[in-house]
Amino acid sequence: MKKRLLSWEGLLLAAFATIFAFNAISLPQFLTIPNQINMFQLSIEKVIVVLVMAFVIINAEIDLSVGSMMGLSACAFGWLFQQGVDPVVAIGLCLLIGVLGGAVNGLFVAWVGLPSLVVTLAALIGFRGLARVLVEDRGITDFPDWFDALGQQGLIGPMTFAMISFFTLLVVAWIILEKSAFGRHTYVIGSNRDVAEFAGINTKRHKLIIFVATGLVSAFAGLLYAARVGAVRGDVANGFELDIITIVLLGGASIFGGSGTLVSTGLAILIVLNLRNGMALHNVTGHIQTGVIGFLLIASVLVPRLDLLRRITKKSKGQE
């Protein structure tokens, strides 16, 4: 038990309890049911993408283009709808855009051998640029009622379609990562790609599948965002990748790959959501909120490295 409490999960649990307690004591409206529901609904699209980003980072890669893909999918839906395309067909085409975008990233990373940081940074710019080309500076609204209901109206009590989708994806992602050969291969490749290839794992195909899944889920999240807001603009989901990557790294996934769990990622989700919600209720401006999240991103990378250095130094002294 002591070892567990001293683990990264234990630290995350303590951080979450502290933030939750502070919000509950200082903000009377924090514990109200409408606020708790609202806290999840306002970030559900990011949280959905976090689940696949965990696979990417554990696999020793990064995808900076997820926010831009969300924006491109939402804007593509708005543009297609404005052109008179049936909304159901438009949804299918937007999901296909996500698959193709993820495939392009995966091909350049896995087959061409370019660093995923460079490839997805270029995709971030390209996808965002294409989204702005489609809608320019105008907003597109007046979507069908059934589409808006996917993100706005409760289907089972307070549960929206988006929240149901998250819990479904969470279960599926946990089973794949923790209980399947694909999940084990994700860890092995992230730890040492050469060893994985020597063991007969098709690392190129594996990475391609992960990037395609990331593109698909990001496009799906973009559609949910459009449904929840009821409108799209060229800046939809701008900067969302910061929160998404921060949550995964804060959850203990190493930026160098090979480590991380969905349990710790779930705790990181709760920390970031409660932190942002508390700051918003305290009337903290969006820029300061972004700065705090940026600090968390640095800390989530720096603290594990310092701990590793401490343990290596302690071990070396013990051997002298």
C-alpha atoms as a PDB file:
ATOM      1  CA  MET A   1       0.000   0.000   0.000  1.00  0.00           C
ATOM      2  CA  LYS A   2       2.794   2.434   0.915  1.00  0.00           C
ATOM      3  CA  LYS A   3       4.538   1.790  -2.398  1.00  0.00           C
ATOM      4  CA  ARG A   4       1.251   2.381  -4.226  1.00  0.00           C
ATOM      5  CA  LEU A   5       0.648   5.691  -2.456  1.00  0.00           C
ATOM      6  CA  LEU A   6       4.167   6.820  -3.345  1.00  0.00           C
ATOM      7  CA  SER A   7       3.620   5.913  -6.994  1.00  0.00           C
ATOM      8  CA  TRP A   8       2.691   8.412  -9.679  1.00  0.00           C
ATOM      9  CA  GLU A   9      -0.944   7.317  -9.383  1.00  0.00           C
ATOM     10  CA  GLY A  10      -0.795   8.076  -5.667  1.00  0.00           C
ATOM     11  CA  LEU A  11       0.545  11.560  -6.347  1.00  0.00           C
ATOM     12  CA  LEU A  12      -2.164  12.175  -8.933  1.00  0.00           C
ATOM     13  CA  LEU A  13      -4.846  10.987  -6.528  1.00  0.00           C
ATOM     14  CA  ALA A  14      -3.522  13.329  -3.832  1.00  0.00           C
ATOM     15  CA  ALA A  15      -3.426  16.239  -6.303  1.00  0.00           C
ATOM     16  CA  PHE A  16      -6.973  15.561  -7.440  1.00  0.00           C
ATOM     17  CA  ALA A  17      -8.237  15.317  -3.845  1.00  0.00           C
ATOM     18  CA  THR A  18      -6.551  18.624  -2.984  1.00  0.00           C
ATOM     19  CA  ILE A  19      -7.976  20.471  -6.001  1.00  0.00           C
ATOM     20  CA  PHE A  20     -11.423  18.976  -5.474  1.00  0.00           C
ATOM     21  CA  ALA A  21     -11.456  19.865  -1.774  1.00  0.00           C
ATOM     22  CA  PHE A  22     -10.267  23.428  -2.426  1.00  0.00           C
ATOM     23  CA  ASN A  23     -12.949  23.970  -5.075  1.00  0.00           C
ATOM     24  CA  ALA A  24     -15.651  22.461  -2.890  1.00  0.00           C
ATOM     25  CA  ILE A  25     -14.751  24.663   0.097  1.00  0.00           C
ATOM     26  CA  SER A  26     -14.190  27.918  -1.766  1.00  0.00           C
ATOM     27  CA  LEU A  27     -16.965  27.642  -4.371  1.00  0.00           C
ATOM     28  CA  PRO A  28     -20.533  26.916  -3.181  1.00  0.00           C
ATOM     29  CA  GLN A  29     -21.678  26.189  -6.753  1.00  0.00           C
ATOM     30  CA  PHE A  30     -18.872  23.726  -7.468  1.00  0.00           C
ATOM     31  CA  LEU A  31     -20.604  20.611  -6.083  1.00  0.00           C
ATOM     32  CA  THR A  32     -23.951  21.322  -7.720  1.00  0.00           C
ATOM     33  CA  ILE A  33     -25.097  18.706 -10.221  1.00  0.00           C
ATOM     34  CA  PRO A  34     -25.449  21.220 -13.107  1.00  0.00           C
ATOM     35  CA  ASN A  35     -21.843  22.380 -12.616  1.00  0.00           C
ATOM     36  CA  GLN A  36     -20.468  18.827 -12.445  1.00  0.00           C
ATOM     37  CA  ILE A  37     -22.312  17.861 -15.626  1.00  0.00           C
ATOM     38  CA  ASN A  38     -21.268  21.076 -17.325  1.00  0.00           C
ATOM     39  CA  MET A  39     -17.619  20.470 -16.383  1.00  0.00           C
ATOM     40  CA  PHE A  40     -17.555  17.227 -18.340  1.00  0.00           C
ATOM     41  CA  GLN A  41     -19.723  18.374 -21.222  1.00  0.00           C
ATOM     42  CA  LEU A  42     -17.518  21.390 -21.953  1.00  0.00           C
ATOM     43  CA  SER A  43     -14.406  19.217 -22.268  1.00  0.00           C
ATOM     44  CA  ILE A  44     -15.790  15.889 -23.440  1.00  0.00           C
ATOM     45  CA  GLU A  45     -14.336  16.230 -26.945  1.00  0.00           C
ATOM     46  CA  LYS A  46     -10.823  16.722 -25.577  1.00  0.00           C
ATOM     47  CA  VAL A  47     -11.240  13.811 -23.200  1.00  0.00           C
ATOM     48  CA  ILE A  48     -12.251  11.499 -26.038  1.00  0.00           C
ATOM     49  CA  VAL A  49      -9.097  12.361 -27.984  1.00  0.00           C
ATOM     50  CA  VAL A  50      -6.971  11.877 -24.846  1.00  0.00           C
ATOM     51  CA  LEU A  51      -7.794   8.153 -24.959  1.00  0.00           C
ATOM     52  CA  VAL A  52      -6.157   7.648 -28.366  1.00  0.00           C
ATOM     53  CA  MET A  53      -3.358  10.124 -27.666  1.00  0.00           C
ATOM     54  CA  ALA A  54      -2.316   7.827 -24.817  1.00  0.00           C
ATOM     55  CA  PHE A  55      -1.643   5.099 -27.396  1.00  0.00           C
ATOM     56  CA  VAL A  56       0.372   7.517 -29.547  1.00  0.00           C
ATOM     57  CA  ILE A  57       2.637   8.681 -26.726  1.00  0.00           C
ATOM     58  CA  ILE A  58       3.080   5.218 -25.179  1.00  0.00           C
ATOM     59  CA  ASN A  59       4.159   4.170 -28.684  1.00  0.00           C
ATOM     60  CA  ALA A  60       6.920   6.827 -28.475  1.00  0.00           C
ATOM     61  CA  GLU A  61       5.281   9.208 -30.949  1.00  0.00           C
ATOM     62  CA  ILE A  62       3.376  12.497 -30.751  1.00  0.00           C
ATOM     63  CA  ASP A  63       0.440  13.949 -32.688  1.00  0.00           C
ATOM     64  CA  LEU A  64       0.217  17.726 -32.616  1.00  0.00           C
ATOM     65  CA  SER A  65      -2.469  17.808 -35.283  1.00  0.00           C
ATOM     66  CA  VAL A  66      -5.433  16.486 -33.287  1.00  0.00           C
ATOM     67  CA  GLY A  67      -6.919  19.916 -32.530  1.00  0.00           C
ATOM     68  CA  SER A  68      -6.600  20.964 -36.161  1.00  0.00           C
ATOM     69  CA  MET A  69      -8.194  17.705 -37.310  1.00  0.00           C
ATOM     70  CA  MET A  70     -11.108  18.371 -34.965  1.00  0.00           C
ATOM     71  CA  GLY A  71     -11.449  21.817 -36.518  1.00  0.00           C
ATOM     72  CA  LEU A  72     -11.169  20.496 -40.073  1.00  0.00           C
ATOM     73  CA  SER A  73     -13.823  17.833 -39.447  1.00  0.00           C
ATOM     74  CA  ALA A  74     -16.228  20.355 -37.922  1.00  0.00           C
ATOM     75  CA  CYS A  75     -15.658  22.895 -40.696  1.00  0.00           C
ATOM     76  CA  ALA A  76     -15.952  20.240 -43.390  1.00  0.00           C
ATOM     77  CA  PHE A  77     -19.322  19.225 -41.961  1.00  0.00           C
ATOM     78  CA  GLY A  78     -20.479  22.831 -41.950  1.00  0.00           C
ATOM     79  CA  TRP A  79     -19.310  23.376 -45.518  1.00  0.00           C
ATOM     80  CA  LEU A  80     -20.871  20.146 -46.811  1.00  0.00           C
ATOM     81  CA  PHE A  81     -24.130  20.935 -45.032  1.00  0.00           C
ATOM     82  CA  GLN A  82     -24.137  24.393 -46.598  1.00  0.00           C
ATOM     83  CA  GLN A  83     -23.640  22.800 -50.017  1.00  0.00           C
ATOM     84  CA  GLY A  84     -26.803  20.748 -49.534  1.00  0.00           C
ATOM     85  CA  VAL A  85     -25.150  17.402 -48.771  1.00  0.00           C
ATOM     86  CA  ASP A  86     -27.281  15.102 -46.617  1.00  0.00           C
ATOM     87  CA  PRO A  87     -26.052  15.475 -42.982  1.00  0.00           C
ATOM     88  CA  VAL A  88     -25.623  11.728 -42.526  1.00  0.00           C
ATOM     89  CA  VAL A  89     -23.485  11.549 -45.674  1.00  0.00           C
ATOM     90  CA  ALA A  90     -21.564  14.603 -44.487  1.00  0.00           C
ATOM     91  CA  ILE A  91     -20.788  12.908 -41.168  1.00  0.00           C
ATOM     92  CA  GLY A  92     -19.447   9.864 -43.004  1.00  0.00           C
ATOM     93  CA  LEU A  93     -17.266  12.042 -45.247  1.00  0.00           C
ATOM     94  CA  CYS A  94     -15.882  13.918 -42.250  1.00  0.00           C
ATOM     95  CA  LEU A  95     -14.933  10.668 -40.539  1.00  0.00           C
ATOM     96  CA  LEU A  96     -13.257   9.597 -43.778  1.00  0.00           C
ATOM     97  CA  ILE A  97     -11.276  12.844 -43.740  1.00  0.00           C
ATOM     98  CA  GLY A  98     -10.060  11.880 -40.280  1.00  0.00           C
ATOM     99  CA  VAL A  99      -8.985   8.445 -41.487  1.00  0.00           C
ATOM    100  CA  LEU A 100      -7.138   9.908 -44.487  1.00  0.00           C
ATOM    101  CA  GLY A 101      -5.459  12.593 -42.388  1.00  0.00           C
ATOM    102  CA  GLY A 102      -4.309  10.033 -39.844  1.00  0.00           C
ATOM    103  CA  ALA A 103      -3.102   7.739 -42.630  1.00  0.00           C
ATOM    104  CA  VAL A 104      -0.987  10.535 -44.133  1.00  0.00           C
ATOM    105  CA  ASN A 105       0.629  11.165 -40.737  1.00  0.00           C
ATOM    106  CA  GLY A 106       1.181   7.452 -40.198  1.00  0.00           C
ATOM    107  CA  LEU A 107       2.716   6.865 -43.621  1.00  0.00           C
ATOM    108  CA  PHE A 108       5.214   9.692 -43.257  1.00  0.00           C
ATOM    109  CA  VAL A 109       6.158   8.580 -39.746  1.00  0.00           C
ATOM    110  CA  ALA A 110       6.184   4.789 -40.152  1.00  0.00           C
ATOM    111  CA  TRP A 111       7.241   4.301 -43.777  1.00  0.00           C
ATOM    112  CA  VAL A 112       9.186   7.447 -44.674  1.00  0.00           C
ATOM    113  CA  GLY A 113      10.757   7.590 -41.223  1.00  0.00           C
ATOM    114  CA  LEU A 114      10.222  11.271 -40.471  1.00  0.00           C
ATOM    115  CA  PRO A 115       9.903  12.371 -36.820  1.00  0.00           C
ATOM    116  CA  SER A 116       6.259  12.491 -35.746  1.00  0.00           C
ATOM    117  CA  LEU A 117       6.887  15.904 -34.154  1.00  0.00           C
ATOM    118  CA  VAL A 118       7.740  17.384 -37.556  1.00  0.00           C
ATOM    119  CA  VAL A 119       5.073  15.517 -39.512  1.00  0.00           C
ATOM    120  CA  THR A 120       2.196  16.356 -37.189  1.00  0.00           C
ATOM    121  CA  LEU A 121       3.341  19.964 -36.769  1.00  0.00           C
ATOM    122  CA  ALA A 122       3.061  20.307 -40.554  1.00  0.00           C
ATOM    123  CA  ALA A 123      -0.340  18.585 -40.382  1.00  0.00           C
ATOM    124  CA  LEU A 124      -1.436  20.985 -37.638  1.00  0.00           C
ATOM    125  CA  ILE A 125      -0.764  23.917 -39.971  1.00  0.00           C
ATOM    126  CA  GLY A 126      -2.179  22.174 -43.045  1.00  0.00           C
ATOM    127  CA  PHE A 127      -5.422  20.927 -41.486  1.00  0.00           C
ATOM    128  CA  ARG A 128      -6.084  24.295 -39.847  1.00  0.00           C
ATOM    129  CA  GLY A 129      -5.399  26.106 -43.094  1.00  0.00           C
ATOM    130  CA  LEU A 130      -7.802  23.864 -44.987  1.00  0.00           C
ATOM    131  CA  ALA A 131     -10.483  24.420 -42.339  1.00  0.00           C
ATOM    132  CA  ARG A 132     -10.156  28.167 -42.767  1.00  0.00           C
ATOM    133  CA  VAL A 133     -10.311  27.837 -46.542  1.00  0.00           C
ATOM    134  CA  LEU A 134     -13.615  25.962 -46.243  1.00  0.00           C
ATOM    135  CA  VAL A 135     -15.433  28.426 -43.980  1.00  0.00           C
ATOM    136  CA  GLU A 136     -13.187  31.510 -44.197  1.00  0.00           C
ATOM    137  CA  ASP A 137     -14.111  33.908 -41.368  1.00  0.00           C
ATOM    138  CA  ARG A 138     -17.809  33.230 -41.327  1.00  0.00           C
ATOM    139  CA  GLY A 139     -19.730  31.042 -38.906  1.00  0.00           C
ATOM    140  CA  ILE A 140     -22.027  28.271 -40.107  1.00  0.00           C
ATOM    141  CA  THR A 141     -25.107  27.485 -38.012  1.00  0.00           C
ATOM    142  CA  ASP A 142     -28.674  26.155 -38.309  1.00  0.00           C
ATOM    143  CA  PHE A 143     -27.749  22.493 -38.284  1.00  0.00           C
ATOM    144  CA  PRO A 144     -30.558  19.913 -38.025  1.00  0.00           C
ATOM    145  CA  ASP A 145     -32.078  19.588 -34.559  1.00  0.00           C
ATOM    146  CA  TRP A 146     -31.157  15.917 -34.312  1.00  0.00           C
ATOM    147  CA  PHE A 147     -27.480  16.783 -34.960  1.00  0.00           C
ATOM    148  CA  ASP A 148     -27.384  19.515 -32.302  1.00  0.00           C
ATOM    149  CA  ALA A 149     -29.073  17.122 -29.862  1.00  0.00           C
ATOM    150  CA  LEU A 150     -26.043  14.810 -30.039  1.00  0.00           C
ATOM    151  CA  GLY A 151     -24.048  17.283 -27.993  1.00  0.00           C
ATOM    152  CA  GLN A 152     -26.677  19.365 -26.212  1.00  0.00           C
ATOM    153  CA  GLN A 153     -29.613  17.297 -25.007  1.00  0.00           C
ATOM    154  CA  GLY A 154     -29.636  14.501 -22.443  1.00  0.00           C
ATOM    155  CA  LEU A 155     -30.419  11.057 -23.819  1.00  0.00           C
ATOM    156  CA  ILE A 156     -30.304   9.082 -20.576  1.00  0.00           C
ATOM    157  CA  GLY A 157     -30.921  11.509 -17.718  1.00  0.00           C
ATOM    158  CA  PRO A 158     -28.133  14.091 -17.965  1.00  0.00           C
ATOM    159  CA  MET A 159     -26.004  11.863 -20.185  1.00  0.00           C
ATOM    160  CA  THR A 160     -25.458  13.204 -23.684  1.00  0.00           C
ATOM    161  CA  PHE A 161     -24.450  11.158 -26.682  1.00  0.00           C
ATOM    162  CA  ALA A 162     -20.935  12.585 -26.327  1.00  0.00           C
ATOM    163  CA  MET A 163     -20.610  11.422 -22.712  1.00  0.00           C
ATOM    164  CA  ILE A 164     -21.925   7.966 -23.587  1.00  0.00           C
ATOM    165  CA  SER A 165     -19.413   7.835 -26.441  1.00  0.00           C
ATOM    166  CA  PHE A 166     -16.602   8.690 -24.030  1.00  0.00           C
ATOM    167  CA  PHE A 167     -17.414   5.942 -21.557  1.00  0.00           C
ATOM    168  CA  THR A 168     -17.745   3.454 -24.414  1.00  0.00           C
ATOM    169  CA  LEU A 169     -14.389   4.470 -25.881  1.00  0.00           C
ATOM    170  CA  LEU A 170     -12.806   4.354 -22.412  1.00  0.00           C
ATOM    171  CA  VAL A 171     -13.829   0.731 -21.905  1.00  0.00           C
ATOM    172  CA  VAL A 172     -12.724  -0.241 -25.417  1.00  0.00           C
ATOM    173  CA  ALA A 173      -9.397   1.598 -25.076  1.00  0.00           C
ATOM    174  CA  TRP A 174      -8.707  -0.009 -21.679  1.00  0.00           C
ATOM    175  CA  ILE A 175      -9.391  -3.494 -23.009  1.00  0.00           C
ATOM    176  CA  ILE A 176      -7.172  -2.935 -26.053  1.00  0.00           C
ATOM    177  CA  LEU A 177      -4.275  -1.373 -24.128  1.00  0.00           C
ATOM    178  CA  GLU A 178      -4.305  -3.588 -21.053  1.00  0.00           C
ATOM    179  CA  LYS A 179      -5.719  -6.908 -22.255  1.00  0.00           C
ATOM    180  CA  SER A 180      -4.787  -7.393 -25.911  1.00  0.00           C
ATOM    181  CA  ALA A 181      -1.700  -8.254 -27.954  1.00  0.00           C
ATOM    182  CA  PHE A 182      -2.056  -4.872 -29.692  1.00  0.00           C
ATOM    183  CA  GLY A 183      -1.687  -3.124 -26.351  1.00  0.00           C
ATOM    184  CA  ARG A 184       1.368  -5.179 -25.404  1.00  0.00           C
ATOM    185  CA  HIS A 185       2.938  -4.399 -28.771  1.00  0.00           C
ATOM    186  CA  THR A 186       2.248  -0.693 -28.198  1.00  0.00           C
ATOM    187  CA  TYR A 187       4.339  -0.793 -25.013  1.00  0.00           C
ATOM    188  CA  VAL A 188       7.101  -2.899 -26.554  1.00  0.00           C
ATOM    189  CA  ILE A 189       7.478  -0.673 -29.608  1.00  0.00           C
ATOM    190  CA  GLY A 190       7.476   2.416 -27.412  1.00  0.00           C
ATOM    191  CA  SER A 191      10.199   0.946 -25.189  1.00  0.00           C
ATOM    192  CA  ASN A 192      12.472  -0.238 -27.990  1.00  0.00           C
ATOM    193  CA  ARG A 193      11.438  -0.387 -31.628  1.00  0.00           C
ATOM    194  CA  ASP A 194      14.459  -2.453 -32.664  1.00  0.00           C
ATOM    195  CA  VAL A 195      13.644  -5.130 -30.094  1.00  0.00           C
ATOM    196  CA  ALA A 196      10.016  -5.132 -31.248  1.00  0.00           C
ATOM    197  CA  GLU A 197      11.039  -5.671 -34.868  1.00  0.00           C
ATOM    198  CA  PHE A 198      13.463  -8.418 -33.842  1.00  0.00           C
ATOM    199  CA  ALA A 199      10.532 -10.099 -32.057  1.00  0.00           C
ATOM    200  CA  GLY A 200       8.585 -10.112 -35.320  1.00  0.00           C
ATOM    201  CA  ILE A 201       6.217  -7.209 -34.626  1.00  0.00           C
ATOM    202  CA  ASN A 202       5.213  -5.230 -37.711  1.00  0.00           C
ATOM    203  CA  THR A 203       6.025  -1.825 -36.240  1.00  0.00           C
ATOM    204  CA  LYS A 204       5.169   0.131 -39.387  1.00  0.00           C
ATOM    205  CA  ARG A 205       1.672  -1.285 -39.615  1.00  0.00           C
ATOM    206  CA  HIS A 206       1.186  -0.831 -35.869  1.00  0.00           C
ATOM    207  CA  LYS A 207       2.099   2.850 -35.959  1.00  0.00           C
ATOM    208  CA  LEU A 208      -0.083   3.398 -39.023  1.00  0.00           C
ATOM    209  CA  ILE A 209      -3.086   1.884 -37.237  1.00  0.00           C
ATOM    210  CA  ILE A 210      -2.541   4.141 -34.221  1.00  0.00           C
ATOM    211  CA  PHE A 211      -2.317   7.307 -36.328  1.00  0.00           C
ATOM    212  CA  VAL A 212      -5.375   6.338 -38.368  1.00  0.00           C
ATOM    213  CA  ALA A 213      -7.317   5.716 -35.154  1.00  0.00           C
ATOM    214  CA  THR A 214      -6.172   9.083 -33.817  1.00  0.00           C
ATOM    215  CA  GLY A 215      -7.335  10.861 -36.971  1.00  0.00           C
ATOM    216  CA  LEU A 216     -10.689   9.066 -36.896  1.00  0.00           C
ATOM    217  CA  VAL A 217     -11.388   9.781 -33.229  1.00  0.00           C
ATOM    218  CA  SER A 218     -10.281  13.413 -33.626  1.00  0.00           C
ATOM    219  CA  ALA A 219     -12.678  13.853 -36.557  1.00  0.00           C
ATOM    220  CA  PHE A 220     -15.451  12.276 -34.486  1.00  0.00           C
ATOM    221  CA  ALA A 221     -14.658  14.631 -31.586  1.00  0.00           C
ATOM    222  CA  GLY A 222     -14.794  17.579 -33.970  1.00  0.00           C
ATOM    223  CA  LEU A 223     -18.293  16.591 -35.046  1.00  0.00           C
ATOM    224  CA  LEU A 224     -19.379  16.315 -31.411  1.00  0.00           C
ATOM    225  CA  TYR A 225     -17.967  19.771 -30.754  1.00  0.00           C
ATOM    226  CA  ALA A 226     -19.926  21.196 -33.691  1.00  0.00           C
ATOM    227  CA  ALA A 227     -23.078  19.533 -32.366  1.00  0.00           C
ATOM    228  CA  ARG A 228     -22.568  20.849 -28.836  1.00  0.00           C
ATOM    229  CA  VAL A 229     -21.841  24.422 -29.907  1.00  0.00           C
ATOM    230  CA  GLY A 230     -24.329  24.393 -32.784  1.00  0.00           C
ATOM    231  CA  ALA A 231     -21.952  26.320 -35.037  1.00  0.00           C
ATOM    232  CA  VAL A 232     -18.527  26.062 -36.691  1.00  0.00           C
ATOM    233  CA  ARG A 233     -15.792  28.566 -37.463  1.00  0.00           C
ATOM    234  CA  GLY A 234     -12.266  28.290 -38.782  1.00  0.00           C
ATOM    235  CA  ASP A 235     -10.826  28.444 -35.258  1.00  0.00           C
ATOM    236  CA  VAL A 236     -12.832  25.495 -33.885  1.00  0.00           C
ATOM    237  CA  ALA A 237     -10.794  23.506 -31.330  1.00  0.00           C
ATOM    238  CA  ASN A 238      -7.828  25.856 -31.732  1.00  0.00           C
ATOM    239  CA  GLY A 239      -5.152  24.943 -29.170  1.00  0.00           C
ATOM    240  CA  PHE A 240      -6.951  21.866 -27.893  1.00  0.00           C
ATOM    241  CA  GLU A 241      -3.832  19.785 -28.474  1.00  0.00           C
ATOM    242  CA  LEU A 242      -2.170  21.520 -25.483  1.00  0.00           C
ATOM    243  CA  ASP A 243      -4.720  20.205 -22.979  1.00  0.00           C
ATOM    244  CA  ILE A 244      -4.834  16.781 -24.637  1.00  0.00           C
ATOM    245  CA  ILE A 245      -1.077  16.181 -24.582  1.00  0.00           C
ATOM    246  CA  THR A 246      -0.754  17.661 -21.088  1.00  0.00           C
ATOM    247  CA  ILE A 247      -3.354  15.247 -19.705  1.00  0.00           C
ATOM    248  CA  VAL A 248      -1.596  12.208 -21.178  1.00  0.00           C
ATOM    249  CA  LEU A 249       1.842  13.264 -19.934  1.00  0.00           C
ATOM    250  CA  LEU A 250       0.453  14.273 -16.546  1.00  0.00           C
ATOM    251  CA  GLY A 251      -1.057  10.793 -16.395  1.00  0.00           C
ATOM    252  CA  GLY A 252       2.438   9.316 -16.319  1.00  0.00           C
ATOM    253  CA  ALA A 253       2.984   8.432 -19.974  1.00  0.00           C
ATOM    254  CA  SER A 254       6.639   9.025 -20.806  1.00  0.00           C
ATOM    255  CA  ILE A 255       7.326  11.367 -23.715  1.00  0.00           C
ATOM    256  CA  PHE A 256       9.951   8.797 -24.714  1.00  0.00           C
ATOM    257  CA  GLY A 257       7.363   6.013 -24.869  1.00  0.00           C
ATOM    258  CA  GLY A 258       6.923   2.645 -23.246  1.00  0.00           C
ATOM    259  CA  SER A 259       5.015   3.653 -20.105  1.00  0.00           C
ATOM    260  CA  GLY A 260       1.619   4.908 -19.011  1.00  0.00           C
ATOM    261  CA  THR A 261      -1.804   3.509 -18.094  1.00  0.00           C
ATOM    262  CA  LEU A 262      -5.378   4.564 -18.686  1.00  0.00           C
ATOM    263  CA  VAL A 263      -6.010   4.544 -14.934  1.00  0.00           C
ATOM    264  CA  SER A 264      -3.435   7.274 -14.359  1.00  0.00           C
ATOM    265  CA  THR A 265      -4.651   9.036 -17.498  1.00  0.00           C
ATOM    266  CA  GLY A 266      -8.160   9.033 -16.022  1.00  0.00           C
ATOM    267  CA  LEU A 267      -6.850  10.678 -12.844  1.00  0.00           C
ATOM    268  CA  ALA A 268      -5.072  13.300 -14.957  1.00  0.00           C
ATOM    269  CA  ILE A 269      -8.350  13.980 -16.783  1.00  0.00           C
ATOM    270  CA  LEU A 270     -10.079  14.646 -13.457  1.00  0.00           C
ATOM    271  CA  ILE A 271      -7.250  16.942 -12.325  1.00  0.00           C
ATOM    272  CA  VAL A 272      -7.277  19.100 -15.461  1.00  0.00           C
ATOM    273  CA  LEU A 273     -11.080  19.280 -15.675  1.00  0.00           C
ATOM    274  CA  ASN A 274     -11.473  20.235 -12.005  1.00  0.00           C
ATOM    275  CA  LEU A 275      -8.587  22.690 -12.208  1.00  0.00           C
ATOM    276  CA  ARG A 276     -10.019  24.468 -15.255  1.00  0.00           C
ATOM    277  CA  ASN A 277     -13.533  24.441 -13.801  1.00  0.00           C
ATOM    278  CA  GLY A 278     -12.339  25.889 -10.511  1.00  0.00           C
ATOM    279  CA  MET A 279     -10.336  28.615 -12.227  1.00  0.00           C
ATOM    280  CA  ALA A 280     -13.306  29.521 -14.420  1.00  0.00           C
ATOM    281  CA  LEU A 281     -15.608  29.772 -11.396  1.00  0.00           C
ATOM    282  CA  HIS A 282     -12.987  31.970  -9.723  1.00  0.00           C
ATOM    283  CA  ASN A 283     -13.118  34.206 -12.815  1.00  0.00           C
ATOM    284  CA  VAL A 284      -9.529  33.438 -13.816  1.00  0.00           C
ATOM    285  CA  THR A 285      -8.970  34.572 -17.405  1.00  0.00           C
ATOM    286  CA  GLY A 286      -8.451  32.105 -20.231  1.00  0.00           C
ATOM    287  CA  HIS A 287      -4.847  33.216 -20.805  1.00  0.00           C
ATOM    288  CA  ILE A 288      -3.918  32.485 -17.203  1.00  0.00           C
ATOM    289  CA  GLN A 289      -5.672  29.124 -17.421  1.00  0.00           C
ATOM    290  CA  THR A 290      -3.604  28.295 -20.496  1.00  0.00           C
ATOM    291  CA  GLY A 291      -0.458  29.327 -18.626  1.00  0.00           C
ATOM    292  CA  VAL A 292      -1.313  27.000 -15.745  1.00  0.00           C
ATOM    293  CA  ILE A 293      -1.875  24.111 -18.154  1.00  0.00           C
ATOM    294  CA  GLY A 294       1.453  24.924 -19.799  1.00  0.00           C
ATOM    295  CA  PHE A 295       3.143  24.762 -16.394  1.00  0.00           C
ATOM    296  CA  LEU A 296       1.518  21.363 -15.795  1.00  0.00           C
ATOM    297  CA  LEU A 297       2.901  20.179 -19.138  1.00  0.00           C
ATOM    298  CA  ILE A 298       6.440  21.142 -18.135  1.00  0.00           C
ATOM    299  CA  ALA A 299       6.054  19.649 -14.658  1.00  0.00           C
ATOM    300  CA  SER A 300       4.631  16.389 -16.002  1.00  0.00           C
ATOM    301  CA  VAL A 301       7.802  15.903 -18.065  1.00  0.00           C
ATOM    302  CA  LEU A 302      10.318  17.353 -15.609  1.00  0.00           C
ATOM    303  CA  VAL A 303       9.264  15.672 -12.357  1.00  0.00           C
ATOM    304  CA  PRO A 304       9.554  12.051 -13.611  1.00  0.00           C
ATOM    305  CA  ARG A 305      12.971  12.864 -15.133  1.00  0.00           C
ATOM    306  CA  LEU A 306      14.209  14.349 -11.850  1.00  0.00           C
ATOM    307  CA  ASP A 307      12.910  11.307  -9.969  1.00  0.00           C
ATOM    308  CA  LEU A 308      14.704   8.994 -12.418  1.00  0.00           C
ATOM    309  CA  LEU A 309      17.925  10.984 -12.001  1.00  0.00           C
ATOM    310  CA  ARG A 310      17.563  10.783  -8.213  1.00  0.00           C
ATOM    311  CA  ARG A 311      17.139   7.019  -8.297  1.00  0.00           C
ATOM    312  CA  ILE A 312      20.084   6.554 -10.668  1.00  0.00           C
ATOM    313  CA  THR A 313      22.307   8.716  -8.449  1.00  0.00           C
ATOM    314  CA  LYS A 314      21.182   6.829  -5.325  1.00  0.00           C
ATOM    315  CA  LYS A 315      21.867   3.490  -7.013  1.00  0.00           C
ATOM    316  CA  SER A 316      25.324   4.546  -8.203  1.00  0.00           C
ATOM    317  CA  LYS A 317      26.262   5.738  -4.703  1.00  0.00           C
ATOM    318  CA  GLY A 318      25.109   2.431  -3.269  1.00  0.00           C
ATOM    319  CA  GLN A 319      27.407   0.565  -5.631  1.00  0.00           C
ATOM    320  CA  GLU A 320      30.473   2.596  -4.640  1.00  0.00           C
END
